Amino acid sequence: MYETLYIICSYATFFGTIIAWISFHKEFNKLKVMQKVSLVVITIGSVVPIIVGVIQGISN
């Protein structure tokens, strides 16, 4: 059960990250450095669990 919840939340975070990038696409150059850094950190934080989960799923 917890694995299913983990997968659903990982994908929800990933799609939320995509929505954030799309919403800032036209104004990305106007963002401050910390805002750009936070988008990158959020993207890394949402993609890494998905990649780790896929690798673990394949290896099992």
C-alpha atoms as a PDB file:
ATOM      1  CA  MET A   1       0.000   0.000   0.000  1.00  0.00           C
ATOM      2  CA  TYR A   2       2.759   2.464   0.911  1.00  0.00           C
ATOM      3  CA  GLU A   3       4.570   1.719  -2.340  1.00  0.00           C
ATOM      4  CA  THR A   4       1.458   2.682  -4.307  1.00  0.00           C
ATOM      5  CA  LEU A   5       1.109   5.908  -2.349  1.00  0.00           C
ATOM      6  CA  TYR A   6       4.808   6.654  -2.919  1.00  0.00           C
ATOM      7  CA  ILE A   7       4.416   6.137  -6.673  1.00  0.00           C
ATOM      8  CA  ILE A   8       1.284   8.284  -6.903  1.00  0.00           C
ATOM      9  CA  CYS A   9       2.856  11.116  -4.910  1.00  0.00           C
ATOM     10  CA  SER A  10       6.052  10.939  -6.968  1.00  0.00           C
ATOM     11  CA  TYR A  11       4.111  11.309 -10.199  1.00  0.00           C
ATOM     12  CA  ALA A  12       1.957  14.090  -8.748  1.00  0.00           C
ATOM     13  CA  THR A  13       5.109  15.979  -7.772  1.00  0.00           C
ATOM     14  CA  PHE A  14       6.619  15.370 -11.206  1.00  0.00           C
ATOM     15  CA  PHE A  15       3.543  16.704 -12.998  1.00  0.00           C
ATOM     16  CA  GLY A  16       3.419  19.676 -10.623  1.00  0.00           C
ATOM     17  CA  THR A  17       7.014  20.433 -11.554  1.00  0.00           C
ATOM     18  CA  ILE A  18       6.151  20.305 -15.242  1.00  0.00           C
ATOM     19  CA  ILE A  19       3.255  22.701 -14.630  1.00  0.00           C
ATOM     20  CA  ALA A  20       5.583  25.078 -12.758  1.00  0.00           C
ATOM     21  CA  TRP A  21       8.089  25.068 -15.644  1.00  0.00           C
ATOM     22  CA  ILE A  22       5.317  25.666 -18.175  1.00  0.00           C
ATOM     23  CA  SER A  23       3.879  28.527 -16.138  1.00  0.00           C
ATOM     24  CA  PHE A  24       7.275  30.262 -15.905  1.00  0.00           C
ATOM     25  CA  HIS A  25       8.372  29.473 -19.463  1.00  0.00           C
ATOM     26  CA  LYS A  26       7.771  32.912 -20.963  1.00  0.00           C
ATOM     27  CA  GLU A  27       9.006  34.806 -17.909  1.00  0.00           C
ATOM     28  CA  PHE A  28      11.993  32.599 -17.036  1.00  0.00           C
ATOM     29  CA  ASN A  29      14.520  35.311 -17.924  1.00  0.00           C
ATOM     30  CA  LYS A  30      12.741  37.744 -15.597  1.00  0.00           C
ATOM     31  CA  LEU A  31      12.991  35.422 -12.574  1.00  0.00           C
ATOM     32  CA  LYS A  32      15.524  36.092  -9.861  1.00  0.00           C
ATOM     33  CA  VAL A  33      18.447  33.728  -9.391  1.00  0.00           C
ATOM     34  CA  MET A  34      16.967  32.109  -6.277  1.00  0.00           C
ATOM     35  CA  GLN A  35      13.692  31.469  -8.104  1.00  0.00           C
ATOM     36  CA  LYS A  36      15.571  29.762 -10.935  1.00  0.00           C
ATOM     37  CA  VAL A  37      17.619  27.729  -8.463  1.00  0.00           C
ATOM     38  CA  SER A  38      14.474  26.650  -6.631  1.00  0.00           C
ATOM     39  CA  LEU A  39      12.905  25.436  -9.879  1.00  0.00           C
ATOM     40  CA  VAL A  40      16.005  23.377 -10.624  1.00  0.00           C
ATOM     41  CA  VAL A  41      16.142  21.941  -7.089  1.00  0.00           C
ATOM     42  CA  ILE A  42      12.438  21.056  -7.174  1.00  0.00           C
ATOM     43  CA  THR A  43      12.913  19.374 -10.541  1.00  0.00           C
ATOM     44  CA  ILE A  44      15.837  17.301  -9.283  1.00  0.00           C
ATOM     45  CA  GLY A  45      13.946  16.431  -6.110  1.00  0.00           C
ATOM     46  CA  SER A  46      10.950  15.195  -8.055  1.00  0.00           C
ATOM     47  CA  VAL A  47      12.785  13.315 -10.802  1.00  0.00           C
ATOM     48  CA  VAL A  48      15.304  11.425  -8.646  1.00  0.00           C
ATOM     49  CA  PRO A  49      12.708   9.391  -6.660  1.00  0.00           C
ATOM     50  CA  ILE A  50      11.013   8.356  -9.901  1.00  0.00           C
ATOM     51  CA  ILE A  51      14.313   7.250 -11.430  1.00  0.00           C
ATOM     52  CA  VAL A  52      15.317   5.381  -8.267  1.00  0.00           C
ATOM     53  CA  GLY A  53      11.905   3.690  -8.134  1.00  0.00           C
ATOM     54  CA  VAL A  54      12.134   2.600 -11.776  1.00  0.00           C
ATOM     55  CA  ILE A  55      15.636   1.216 -11.240  1.00  0.00           C
ATOM     56  CA  GLN A  56      14.537  -0.657  -8.116  1.00  0.00           C
ATOM     57  CA  GLY A  57      11.469  -1.972  -9.927  1.00  0.00           C
ATOM     58  CA  ILE A  58      13.567  -3.264 -12.811  1.00  0.00           C
ATOM     59  CA  SER A  59      16.178  -4.838 -10.542  1.00  0.00           C
ATOM     60  CA  ASN A  60      13.605  -6.774  -8.497  1.00  0.00           C
END
